[in-house]
Amino acid sequence: MTPDLETAIPLLVQLTATEVAAPRSGLDPVVLVQDRGEWPLMFECEAALIRCALGASVVRLEHIGSTAVPDLVAKPVIDIDVAVARELEPSEILRLAVIGYTFLGEYGLAGRAFFRKGDPYTHHLHVFVDGHPELQRHLVFRDWLLAHSQSRREYAVVKKRLARRLRDDRAAYTAAKAPFIVATLQQAMAAETDTQ
């Protein structure tokens, strides 16, 4: 689905204007919001910009994370996986900077080039060489939540509980979600094995 850019770009500016208006404080609180129907369109618009910036090195782009799952509470940040044919070159990192991305290195995950956009953050970009196992893990988790409403509801409960308890500690919030994510991935992989 390719958005009509004449329509999509003004909408994207309007939707994010309030999100980027406030300067970032020293804190990075965990704030969850209800599903916003515009998240898929925001992904498509951003994907078009990323394709322009990175050109033929892009193998595929995927909308991941909670904003990719309808009816799931989420931090209002679009997570994007980018599979590339080879590691990014400095000129490609610069082209991503031109469209607003700040490069943060691997950011704790070997083989990833991680970028953030916005202040406060509106987009996270996870760039991996095609075939990196983290790409598959992200897709398996997203697709399981898309296909299993019970898991989606359980994840929403976990996220809300943790966001209340760890509102001012994003790293702890992310770490505390790990047991649910690992258990869900194991369940998804077991189900896949059973169907083969």
N, C-alpha and C. Protein backbone atom coordinates (compact mmCIF):
# COMPACT_ATOMS: atom_id res chain seq x y z
N MET A 1 0.85 -1.18 0.00
CA MET A 1 0.00 0.00 0.00
C MET A 1 0.89 1.24 0.00
N THR A 2 0.83 2.03 -1.04
CA THR A 2 1.58 3.26 -1.13
C THR A 2 0.63 4.42 -0.88
N PRO A 3 0.93 5.23 0.14
CA PRO A 3 0.01 6.33 0.43
C PRO A 3 0.11 7.41 -0.64
N ASP A 4 -0.96 8.18 -0.79
CA ASP A 4 -0.95 9.35 -1.64
C ASP A 4 -0.16 10.41 -0.88
N LEU A 5 1.07 10.66 -1.32
CA LEU A 5 1.96 11.54 -0.55
C LEU A 5 1.41 12.96 -0.44
N GLU A 6 0.64 13.41 -1.43
CA GLU A 6 0.05 14.74 -1.37
C GLU A 6 -0.89 14.85 -0.16
N THR A 7 -1.58 13.76 0.17
CA THR A 7 -2.47 13.71 1.31
C THR A 7 -1.72 13.33 2.58
N ALA A 8 -0.80 12.38 2.46
CA ALA A 8 -0.17 11.79 3.64
C ALA A 8 0.79 12.73 4.34
N ILE A 9 1.57 13.49 3.61
CA ILE A 9 2.58 14.34 4.26
C ILE A 9 1.94 15.41 5.14
N PRO A 10 0.92 16.16 4.67
CA PRO A 10 0.29 17.11 5.59
C PRO A 10 -0.33 16.43 6.81
N LEU A 11 -0.90 15.22 6.62
CA LEU A 11 -1.48 14.49 7.74
C LEU A 11 -0.38 14.11 8.74
N LEU A 12 0.75 13.64 8.23
CA LEU A 12 1.85 13.27 9.10
C LEU A 12 2.34 14.47 9.90
N VAL A 13 2.46 15.62 9.25
CA VAL A 13 2.89 16.84 9.95
C VAL A 13 1.88 17.20 11.02
N GLN A 14 0.59 17.16 10.69
CA GLN A 14 -0.46 17.49 11.66
C GLN A 14 -0.45 16.53 12.84
N LEU A 15 -0.31 15.24 12.58
CA LEU A 15 -0.38 14.23 13.64
C LEU A 15 0.80 14.32 14.59
N THR A 16 1.97 14.69 14.08
CA THR A 16 3.14 14.70 14.93
C THR A 16 3.45 16.09 15.49
N ALA A 17 2.76 17.11 15.05
CA ALA A 17 3.08 18.47 15.48
C ALA A 17 3.02 18.61 17.00
N THR A 18 2.00 18.07 17.63
CA THR A 18 1.91 18.19 19.08
C THR A 18 2.94 17.31 19.77
N GLU A 19 3.32 16.19 19.14
CA GLU A 19 4.28 15.29 19.75
C GLU A 19 5.69 15.88 19.75
N VAL A 20 6.02 16.72 18.77
CA VAL A 20 7.37 17.27 18.69
C VAL A 20 7.47 18.68 19.27
N ALA A 21 6.33 19.25 19.69
CA ALA A 21 6.33 20.63 20.17
C ALA A 21 7.04 20.78 21.51
N ALA A 22 6.88 19.82 22.40
CA ALA A 22 7.45 19.93 23.74
C ALA A 22 8.90 19.47 23.73
N PRO A 23 9.80 20.25 24.33
CA PRO A 23 11.20 19.81 24.38
C PRO A 23 11.35 18.61 25.30
N ARG A 24 12.33 17.77 25.02
CA ARG A 24 12.60 16.58 25.82
C ARG A 24 13.17 16.99 27.17
N SER A 25 12.58 16.46 28.22
CA SER A 25 13.09 16.71 29.56
C SER A 25 14.18 15.69 29.87
N GLY A 26 14.76 15.77 31.04
CA GLY A 26 15.76 14.80 31.44
C GLY A 26 15.15 13.42 31.61
N LEU A 27 13.85 13.35 31.90
CA LEU A 27 13.17 12.07 32.08
C LEU A 27 12.64 11.57 30.75
N ASP A 28 12.50 10.28 30.67
CA ASP A 28 11.93 9.66 29.47
C ASP A 28 10.82 8.72 29.94
N PRO A 29 9.70 9.29 30.41
CA PRO A 29 8.66 8.46 31.02
C PRO A 29 8.00 7.52 30.02
N VAL A 30 7.51 6.41 30.55
CA VAL A 30 6.76 5.45 29.75
C VAL A 30 5.31 5.93 29.74
N VAL A 31 4.84 6.31 28.58
CA VAL A 31 3.46 6.76 28.42
C VAL A 31 2.83 5.89 27.34
N LEU A 32 1.79 5.16 27.72
CA LEU A 32 1.08 4.31 26.77
C LEU A 32 -0.20 5.01 26.33
N VAL A 33 -0.53 4.85 25.06
CA VAL A 33 -1.77 5.42 24.53
C VAL A 33 -2.53 4.33 23.79
N GLN A 34 -3.82 4.55 23.63
CA GLN A 34 -4.65 3.61 22.86
C GLN A 34 -4.22 3.63 21.40
N ASP A 35 -4.54 2.55 20.72
CA ASP A 35 -4.24 2.44 19.29
C ASP A 35 -4.70 3.69 18.56
N ARG A 36 -3.81 4.20 17.73
CA ARG A 36 -4.14 5.36 16.91
C ARG A 36 -4.18 4.88 15.47
N GLY A 37 -5.30 4.99 14.86
CA GLY A 37 -5.50 4.46 13.52
C GLY A 37 -4.53 4.96 12.47
N GLU A 38 -3.84 6.07 12.76
CA GLU A 38 -2.92 6.62 11.77
C GLU A 38 -1.53 5.99 11.79
N TRP A 39 -1.25 5.14 12.76
CA TRP A 39 0.09 4.55 12.84
C TRP A 39 0.52 3.81 11.58
N PRO A 40 -0.34 3.00 10.95
CA PRO A 40 0.10 2.35 9.70
C PRO A 40 0.46 3.37 8.61
N LEU A 41 -0.30 4.45 8.50
CA LEU A 41 0.01 5.47 7.51
C LEU A 41 1.32 6.18 7.85
N MET A 42 1.54 6.45 9.12
CA MET A 42 2.81 7.06 9.53
C MET A 42 3.98 6.15 9.16
N PHE A 43 3.79 4.83 9.35
CA PHE A 43 4.84 3.89 8.95
C PHE A 43 5.08 3.97 7.45
N GLU A 44 4.02 3.94 6.65
CA GLU A 44 4.17 3.96 5.19
C GLU A 44 4.87 5.23 4.71
N CYS A 45 4.52 6.36 5.29
CA CYS A 45 5.18 7.62 4.92
C CYS A 45 6.66 7.57 5.26
N GLU A 46 6.96 7.10 6.45
CA GLU A 46 8.36 7.03 6.89
C GLU A 46 9.14 6.02 6.05
N ALA A 47 8.50 4.89 5.73
CA ALA A 47 9.15 3.87 4.91
C ALA A 47 9.54 4.46 3.56
N ALA A 48 8.69 5.30 2.98
CA ALA A 48 9.01 5.93 1.70
C ALA A 48 10.24 6.83 1.83
N LEU A 49 10.34 7.58 2.92
CA LEU A 49 11.52 8.43 3.14
C LEU A 49 12.78 7.59 3.32
N ILE A 50 12.67 6.51 4.07
CA ILE A 50 13.83 5.64 4.32
C ILE A 50 14.29 4.99 3.02
N ARG A 51 13.34 4.54 2.21
CA ARG A 51 13.71 3.95 0.91
C ARG A 51 14.46 4.97 0.05
N CYS A 52 14.01 6.21 0.07
CA CYS A 52 14.70 7.26 -0.69
C CYS A 52 16.11 7.49 -0.14
N ALA A 53 16.24 7.48 1.18
CA ALA A 53 17.54 7.74 1.80
C ALA A 53 18.53 6.61 1.57
N LEU A 54 18.06 5.37 1.62
CA LEU A 54 18.97 4.22 1.56
C LEU A 54 19.01 3.53 0.20
N GLY A 55 18.05 3.81 -0.65
CA GLY A 55 18.07 3.30 -2.01
C GLY A 55 18.10 1.78 -2.10
N ALA A 56 18.93 1.29 -3.01
CA ALA A 56 18.96 -0.14 -3.34
C ALA A 56 19.49 -1.02 -2.23
N SER A 57 20.09 -0.44 -1.19
CA SER A 57 20.59 -1.29 -0.10
C SER A 57 19.45 -1.87 0.74
N VAL A 58 18.24 -1.30 0.64
CA VAL A 58 17.09 -1.81 1.40
C VAL A 58 16.58 -3.11 0.76
N VAL A 59 16.54 -4.15 1.57
CA VAL A 59 15.95 -5.42 1.14
C VAL A 59 14.46 -5.41 1.46
N ARG A 60 14.11 -4.97 2.70
CA ARG A 60 12.71 -4.84 3.08
C ARG A 60 12.59 -3.96 4.33
N LEU A 61 11.42 -3.40 4.51
CA LEU A 61 11.09 -2.61 5.70
C LEU A 61 9.86 -3.22 6.32
N GLU A 62 9.84 -3.29 7.65
CA GLU A 62 8.70 -3.87 8.38
C GLU A 62 8.30 -2.96 9.52
N HIS A 63 7.01 -2.76 9.67
CA HIS A 63 6.46 -2.05 10.83
C HIS A 63 6.38 -3.07 11.96
N ILE A 64 7.11 -2.83 13.04
CA ILE A 64 7.15 -3.77 14.16
C ILE A 64 6.71 -3.04 15.43
N GLY A 65 6.76 -3.75 16.54
CA GLY A 65 6.40 -3.14 17.81
C GLY A 65 4.90 -3.00 17.96
N SER A 66 4.50 -2.42 19.07
CA SER A 66 3.09 -2.36 19.43
C SER A 66 2.26 -1.49 18.50
N THR A 67 2.87 -0.46 17.88
CA THR A 67 2.08 0.37 16.96
C THR A 67 1.73 -0.38 15.68
N ALA A 68 2.34 -1.54 15.46
CA ALA A 68 2.03 -2.36 14.29
C ALA A 68 0.87 -3.32 14.55
N VAL A 69 0.37 -3.34 15.79
CA VAL A 69 -0.66 -4.30 16.18
C VAL A 69 -1.93 -3.52 16.55
N PRO A 70 -2.96 -3.58 15.71
CA PRO A 70 -4.20 -2.86 16.02
C PRO A 70 -4.76 -3.25 17.39
N ASP A 71 -5.34 -2.27 18.05
CA ASP A 71 -6.01 -2.46 19.34
C ASP A 71 -5.07 -2.78 20.49
N LEU A 72 -3.79 -2.49 20.34
CA LEU A 72 -2.83 -2.72 21.42
C LEU A 72 -2.32 -1.37 21.91
N VAL A 73 -2.34 -1.16 23.23
CA VAL A 73 -1.78 0.08 23.77
C VAL A 73 -0.29 0.12 23.42
N ALA A 74 0.22 1.33 23.24
CA ALA A 74 1.61 1.46 22.81
C ALA A 74 2.17 2.82 23.22
N LYS A 75 3.49 2.87 23.31
CA LYS A 75 4.13 4.17 23.36
C LYS A 75 3.97 4.74 21.95
N PRO A 76 3.72 6.04 21.80
CA PRO A 76 3.48 6.59 20.46
C PRO A 76 4.79 6.75 19.67
N VAL A 77 5.44 5.62 19.42
CA VAL A 77 6.70 5.58 18.68
C VAL A 77 6.58 4.48 17.63
N ILE A 78 6.82 4.83 16.38
CA ILE A 78 6.76 3.86 15.29
C ILE A 78 8.11 3.15 15.23
N ASP A 79 8.10 1.83 15.46
CA ASP A 79 9.31 1.01 15.34
C ASP A 79 9.37 0.42 13.94
N ILE A 80 10.53 0.54 13.32
CA ILE A 80 10.71 0.06 11.95
C ILE A 80 11.96 -0.80 11.88
N ASP A 81 11.80 -2.02 11.36
CA ASP A 81 12.94 -2.88 11.03
C ASP A 81 13.30 -2.62 9.58
N VAL A 82 14.59 -2.44 9.33
CA VAL A 82 15.08 -2.30 7.97
C VAL A 82 16.11 -3.40 7.75
N ALA A 83 15.84 -4.28 6.80
CA ALA A 83 16.82 -5.29 6.39
C ALA A 83 17.58 -4.70 5.22
N VAL A 84 18.91 -4.70 5.33
CA VAL A 84 19.75 -4.16 4.27
C VAL A 84 20.68 -5.25 3.75
N ALA A 85 21.18 -5.04 2.56
CA ALA A 85 22.02 -6.04 1.90
C ALA A 85 23.40 -6.16 2.54
N ARG A 86 23.86 -5.09 3.18
CA ARG A 86 25.19 -5.05 3.80
C ARG A 86 25.16 -3.98 4.88
N GLU A 87 26.21 -3.93 5.69
CA GLU A 87 26.26 -2.90 6.74
C GLU A 87 26.17 -1.51 6.12
N LEU A 88 25.56 -0.59 6.87
CA LEU A 88 25.42 0.78 6.38
C LEU A 88 26.78 1.44 6.22
N GLU A 89 26.87 2.24 5.18
CA GLU A 89 28.07 3.05 4.95
C GLU A 89 27.86 4.41 5.61
N PRO A 90 28.95 5.12 5.94
CA PRO A 90 28.80 6.45 6.55
C PRO A 90 27.91 7.40 5.75
N SER A 91 27.97 7.33 4.43
CA SER A 91 27.12 8.20 3.61
C SER A 91 25.64 7.89 3.80
N GLU A 92 25.30 6.62 4.06
CA GLU A 92 23.90 6.25 4.29
C GLU A 92 23.43 6.72 5.67
N ILE A 93 24.32 6.65 6.65
CA ILE A 93 23.99 7.18 7.98
C ILE A 93 23.74 8.68 7.88
N LEU A 94 24.53 9.36 7.08
CA LEU A 94 24.35 10.80 6.87
C LEU A 94 23.01 11.08 6.18
N ARG A 95 22.64 10.28 5.20
CA ARG A 95 21.36 10.47 4.52
C ARG A 95 20.19 10.26 5.48
N LEU A 96 20.32 9.32 6.41
CA LEU A 96 19.28 9.14 7.43
C LEU A 96 19.24 10.36 8.36
N ALA A 97 20.40 10.94 8.66
CA ALA A 97 20.43 12.14 9.49
C ALA A 97 19.70 13.30 8.80
N VAL A 98 19.83 13.37 7.50
CA VAL A 98 19.16 14.44 6.74
C VAL A 98 17.64 14.35 6.90
N ILE A 99 17.10 13.13 7.03
CA ILE A 99 15.64 13.00 7.22
C ILE A 99 15.26 12.92 8.70
N GLY A 100 16.20 13.30 9.57
CA GLY A 100 15.88 13.49 10.98
C GLY A 100 16.32 12.42 11.96
N TYR A 101 17.07 11.41 11.52
CA TYR A 101 17.45 10.32 12.40
C TYR A 101 18.80 10.58 13.08
N THR A 102 18.86 10.27 14.37
CA THR A 102 20.10 10.33 15.15
C THR A 102 20.62 8.91 15.30
N PHE A 103 21.86 8.70 14.92
CA PHE A 103 22.49 7.38 14.98
C PHE A 103 23.03 7.14 16.39
N LEU A 104 22.67 5.98 16.98
CA LEU A 104 23.09 5.65 18.34
C LEU A 104 23.93 4.38 18.39
N GLY A 105 24.47 3.94 17.26
CA GLY A 105 25.29 2.74 17.23
C GLY A 105 24.44 1.49 17.38
N GLU A 106 25.05 0.44 17.93
CA GLU A 106 24.32 -0.82 18.12
C GLU A 106 23.30 -0.73 19.24
N TYR A 107 23.50 0.15 20.17
CA TYR A 107 22.58 0.41 21.28
C TYR A 107 22.20 -0.87 22.01
N GLY A 108 23.23 -1.65 22.35
CA GLY A 108 23.03 -2.84 23.17
C GLY A 108 22.70 -4.11 22.44
N LEU A 109 22.65 -4.08 21.12
CA LEU A 109 22.30 -5.29 20.36
C LEU A 109 23.29 -5.44 19.21
N ALA A 110 24.14 -6.44 19.31
CA ALA A 110 25.18 -6.66 18.29
C ALA A 110 24.56 -6.84 16.92
N GLY A 111 25.12 -6.15 15.96
CA GLY A 111 24.67 -6.28 14.58
C GLY A 111 23.56 -5.33 14.18
N ARG A 112 23.11 -4.50 15.12
CA ARG A 112 22.04 -3.54 14.81
C ARG A 112 22.64 -2.15 14.69
N ALA A 113 22.13 -1.38 13.74
CA ALA A 113 22.37 0.06 13.70
C ALA A 113 21.06 0.70 14.15
N PHE A 114 21.09 1.41 15.27
CA PHE A 114 19.87 1.94 15.87
C PHE A 114 19.82 3.45 15.70
N PHE A 115 18.64 3.95 15.34
CA PHE A 115 18.42 5.38 15.13
C PHE A 115 17.13 5.80 15.83
N ARG A 116 17.09 7.06 16.25
CA ARG A 116 15.85 7.65 16.78
C ARG A 116 15.56 8.92 16.00
N LYS A 117 14.27 9.24 15.95
CA LYS A 117 13.84 10.47 15.28
C LYS A 117 12.84 11.18 16.17
N GLY A 118 12.93 12.51 16.19
CA GLY A 118 11.95 13.31 16.91
C GLY A 118 12.39 13.67 18.31
N ASP A 119 11.74 14.68 18.85
CA ASP A 119 11.98 15.11 20.21
C ASP A 119 10.66 15.64 20.77
N PRO A 120 9.87 14.83 21.46
CA PRO A 120 10.17 13.47 21.88
C PRO A 120 10.20 12.51 20.69
N TYR A 121 10.73 11.33 20.94
CA TYR A 121 10.91 10.35 19.88
C TYR A 121 9.58 9.98 19.25
N THR A 122 9.58 9.95 17.92
CA THR A 122 8.40 9.52 17.17
C THR A 122 8.68 8.22 16.41
N HIS A 123 9.96 7.94 16.15
CA HIS A 123 10.34 6.76 15.36
C HIS A 123 11.62 6.15 15.91
N HIS A 124 11.65 4.83 15.90
CA HIS A 124 12.88 4.06 16.17
C HIS A 124 13.16 3.24 14.92
N LEU A 125 14.39 3.28 14.48
CA LEU A 125 14.80 2.56 13.28
C LEU A 125 15.84 1.52 13.69
N HIS A 126 15.55 0.26 13.39
CA HIS A 126 16.42 -0.86 13.71
C HIS A 126 16.92 -1.41 12.37
N VAL A 127 18.19 -1.18 12.06
CA VAL A 127 18.75 -1.60 10.77
C VAL A 127 19.65 -2.81 11.00
N PHE A 128 19.37 -3.88 10.27
CA PHE A 128 20.14 -5.12 10.36
C PHE A 128 20.50 -5.59 8.95
N VAL A 129 21.64 -6.26 8.84
CA VAL A 129 21.93 -6.94 7.60
C VAL A 129 20.91 -8.08 7.46
N ASP A 130 20.36 -8.22 6.25
CA ASP A 130 19.33 -9.24 6.01
C ASP A 130 19.82 -10.60 6.50
N GLY A 131 18.94 -11.30 7.20
CA GLY A 131 19.29 -12.61 7.75
C GLY A 131 19.62 -12.58 9.23
N HIS A 132 19.77 -11.40 9.81
CA HIS A 132 20.04 -11.30 11.25
C HIS A 132 18.86 -11.91 12.01
N PRO A 133 19.13 -12.76 13.02
CA PRO A 133 18.03 -13.45 13.72
C PRO A 133 17.04 -12.51 14.41
N GLU A 134 17.46 -11.32 14.77
CA GLU A 134 16.55 -10.39 15.45
C GLU A 134 15.41 -9.95 14.53
N LEU A 135 15.69 -9.87 13.24
CA LEU A 135 14.62 -9.53 12.28
C LEU A 135 13.49 -10.54 12.37
N GLN A 136 13.84 -11.80 12.35
CA GLN A 136 12.84 -12.87 12.41
C GLN A 136 12.11 -12.86 13.75
N ARG A 137 12.84 -12.64 14.83
CA ARG A 137 12.22 -12.60 16.16
C ARG A 137 11.16 -11.49 16.23
N HIS A 138 11.49 -10.31 15.71
CA HIS A 138 10.53 -9.20 15.71
C HIS A 138 9.26 -9.57 14.95
N LEU A 139 9.44 -10.20 13.78
CA LEU A 139 8.28 -10.55 12.95
C LEU A 139 7.44 -11.65 13.57
N VAL A 140 8.09 -12.64 14.16
CA VAL A 140 7.35 -13.73 14.81
C VAL A 140 6.49 -13.18 15.94
N PHE A 141 7.07 -12.30 16.77
CA PHE A 141 6.33 -11.73 17.89
C PHE A 141 5.16 -10.88 17.38
N ARG A 142 5.42 -10.00 16.42
CA ARG A 142 4.35 -9.16 15.87
C ARG A 142 3.24 -10.01 15.27
N ASP A 143 3.62 -10.97 14.44
CA ASP A 143 2.61 -11.78 13.75
C ASP A 143 1.80 -12.64 14.72
N TRP A 144 2.43 -13.10 15.80
CA TRP A 144 1.69 -13.87 16.81
C TRP A 144 0.62 -12.98 17.46
N LEU A 145 1.01 -11.77 17.83
CA LEU A 145 0.05 -10.85 18.44
C LEU A 145 -1.07 -10.49 17.47
N LEU A 146 -0.74 -10.32 16.21
CA LEU A 146 -1.77 -10.02 15.21
C LEU A 146 -2.79 -11.15 15.09
N ALA A 147 -2.31 -12.38 15.21
CA ALA A 147 -3.17 -13.55 14.99
C ALA A 147 -3.85 -14.08 16.24
N HIS A 148 -3.43 -13.65 17.44
CA HIS A 148 -3.94 -14.24 18.68
C HIS A 148 -4.41 -13.14 19.65
N SER A 149 -5.71 -12.92 19.65
CA SER A 149 -6.28 -11.84 20.46
C SER A 149 -6.04 -12.04 21.96
N GLN A 150 -6.04 -13.28 22.42
CA GLN A 150 -5.79 -13.53 23.85
C GLN A 150 -4.38 -13.07 24.24
N SER A 151 -3.40 -13.39 23.44
CA SER A 151 -2.02 -12.95 23.71
C SER A 151 -1.93 -11.43 23.66
N ARG A 152 -2.65 -10.84 22.72
CA ARG A 152 -2.66 -9.38 22.59
C ARG A 152 -3.24 -8.75 23.86
N ARG A 153 -4.36 -9.30 24.37
CA ARG A 153 -4.96 -8.78 25.60
C ARG A 153 -4.03 -8.95 26.79
N GLU A 154 -3.40 -10.13 26.89
CA GLU A 154 -2.47 -10.38 28.00
C GLU A 154 -1.29 -9.41 27.95
N TYR A 155 -0.77 -9.17 26.76
CA TYR A 155 0.36 -8.25 26.63
C TYR A 155 -0.05 -6.83 27.03
N ALA A 156 -1.26 -6.43 26.66
CA ALA A 156 -1.74 -5.10 27.05
C ALA A 156 -1.80 -4.97 28.57
N VAL A 157 -2.27 -6.01 29.25
CA VAL A 157 -2.34 -5.99 30.72
C VAL A 157 -0.93 -5.86 31.31
N VAL A 158 0.00 -6.65 30.79
CA VAL A 158 1.39 -6.60 31.27
C VAL A 158 1.96 -5.20 31.06
N LYS A 159 1.78 -4.65 29.89
CA LYS A 159 2.33 -3.33 29.58
C LYS A 159 1.75 -2.24 30.49
N LYS A 160 0.44 -2.27 30.70
CA LYS A 160 -0.19 -1.25 31.54
C LYS A 160 0.30 -1.35 32.99
N ARG A 161 0.38 -2.58 33.49
CA ARG A 161 0.84 -2.78 34.87
C ARG A 161 2.27 -2.27 35.02
N LEU A 162 3.14 -2.64 34.08
CA LEU A 162 4.54 -2.22 34.16
C LEU A 162 4.70 -0.71 33.95
N ALA A 163 3.89 -0.13 33.08
CA ALA A 163 3.98 1.31 32.85
C ALA A 163 3.59 2.09 34.10
N ARG A 164 2.61 1.58 34.85
CA ARG A 164 2.25 2.25 36.11
C ARG A 164 3.38 2.14 37.12
N ARG A 165 3.97 0.95 37.22
CA ARG A 165 5.00 0.70 38.22
C ARG A 165 6.36 1.32 37.86
N LEU A 166 6.67 1.37 36.56
CA LEU A 166 8.01 1.78 36.13
C LEU A 166 7.96 2.99 35.20
N ARG A 167 7.01 3.85 35.43
CA ARG A 167 6.77 4.99 34.54
C ARG A 167 8.02 5.80 34.25
N ASP A 168 8.86 6.02 35.22
CA ASP A 168 10.04 6.88 35.03
C ASP A 168 11.32 6.10 34.78
N ASP A 169 11.20 4.83 34.44
CA ASP A 169 12.39 4.02 34.17
C ASP A 169 12.15 3.16 32.93
N ARG A 170 12.36 3.76 31.78
CA ARG A 170 12.06 3.09 30.51
C ARG A 170 12.88 1.82 30.34
N ALA A 171 14.14 1.84 30.76
CA ALA A 171 14.99 0.65 30.62
C ALA A 171 14.44 -0.50 31.46
N ALA A 172 14.01 -0.20 32.68
CA ALA A 172 13.44 -1.24 33.53
C ALA A 172 12.11 -1.74 32.96
N TYR A 173 11.31 -0.83 32.42
CA TYR A 173 10.04 -1.21 31.78
C TYR A 173 10.30 -2.19 30.64
N THR A 174 11.26 -1.86 29.79
CA THR A 174 11.58 -2.73 28.65
C THR A 174 12.08 -4.08 29.14
N ALA A 175 12.96 -4.08 30.13
CA ALA A 175 13.49 -5.35 30.65
C ALA A 175 12.40 -6.19 31.30
N ALA A 176 11.46 -5.53 31.97
CA ALA A 176 10.40 -6.27 32.67
C ALA A 176 9.40 -6.91 31.70
N LYS A 177 9.34 -6.42 30.47
CA LYS A 177 8.47 -7.05 29.47
C LYS A 177 9.10 -8.33 28.90
N ALA A 178 10.39 -8.50 29.08
CA ALA A 178 11.11 -9.61 28.44
C ALA A 178 10.53 -10.99 28.75
N PRO A 179 10.17 -11.31 30.00
CA PRO A 179 9.61 -12.65 30.24
C PRO A 179 8.37 -12.95 29.40
N PHE A 180 7.48 -11.97 29.25
CA PHE A 180 6.29 -12.19 28.42
C PHE A 180 6.69 -12.39 26.97
N ILE A 181 7.61 -11.58 26.48
CA ILE A 181 8.03 -11.67 25.07
C ILE A 181 8.70 -13.01 24.81
N VAL A 182 9.58 -13.44 25.70
CA VAL A 182 10.27 -14.73 25.53
C VAL A 182 9.26 -15.87 25.54
N ALA A 183 8.33 -15.85 26.50
CA ALA A 183 7.32 -16.92 26.58
C ALA A 183 6.46 -16.94 25.32
N THR A 184 6.11 -15.77 24.80
CA THR A 184 5.29 -15.70 23.59
C THR A 184 6.05 -16.23 22.38
N LEU A 185 7.33 -15.88 22.29
CA LEU A 185 8.15 -16.38 21.18
C LEU A 185 8.27 -17.90 21.25
N GLN A 186 8.45 -18.43 22.45
CA GLN A 186 8.53 -19.89 22.61
C GLN A 186 7.22 -20.55 22.19
N GLN A 187 6.11 -19.95 22.58
CA GLN A 187 4.79 -20.46 22.21
C GLN A 187 4.62 -20.43 20.69
N ALA A 188 5.01 -19.33 20.07
CA ALA A 188 4.88 -19.20 18.62
C ALA A 188 5.76 -20.22 17.89
N MET A 189 6.97 -20.40 18.36
CA MET A 189 7.86 -21.36 17.71
C MET A 189 7.38 -22.79 17.90
N ALA A 190 6.85 -23.10 19.08
CA ALA A 190 6.30 -24.44 19.32
C ALA A 190 5.11 -24.69 18.41
N ALA A 191 4.26 -23.68 18.25
CA ALA A 191 3.09 -23.83 17.37
C ALA A 191 3.53 -24.03 15.93
N GLU A 192 4.58 -23.33 15.52
CA GLU A 192 5.10 -23.48 14.16
C GLU A 192 5.66 -24.88 13.94
N THR A 193 6.36 -25.39 14.96
CA THR A 193 6.92 -26.75 14.88
C THR A 193 5.81 -27.79 14.79
N ASP A 194 4.72 -27.57 15.54
CA ASP A 194 3.59 -28.51 15.53
C ASP A 194 2.90 -28.57 14.18
N THR A 195 2.93 -27.47 13.44
CA THR A 195 2.24 -27.45 12.14
C THR A 195 3.10 -27.97 11.00
N GLN A 196 4.37 -28.22 11.28
CA GLN A 196 5.26 -28.70 10.20
C GLN A 196 5.30 -30.20 10.13
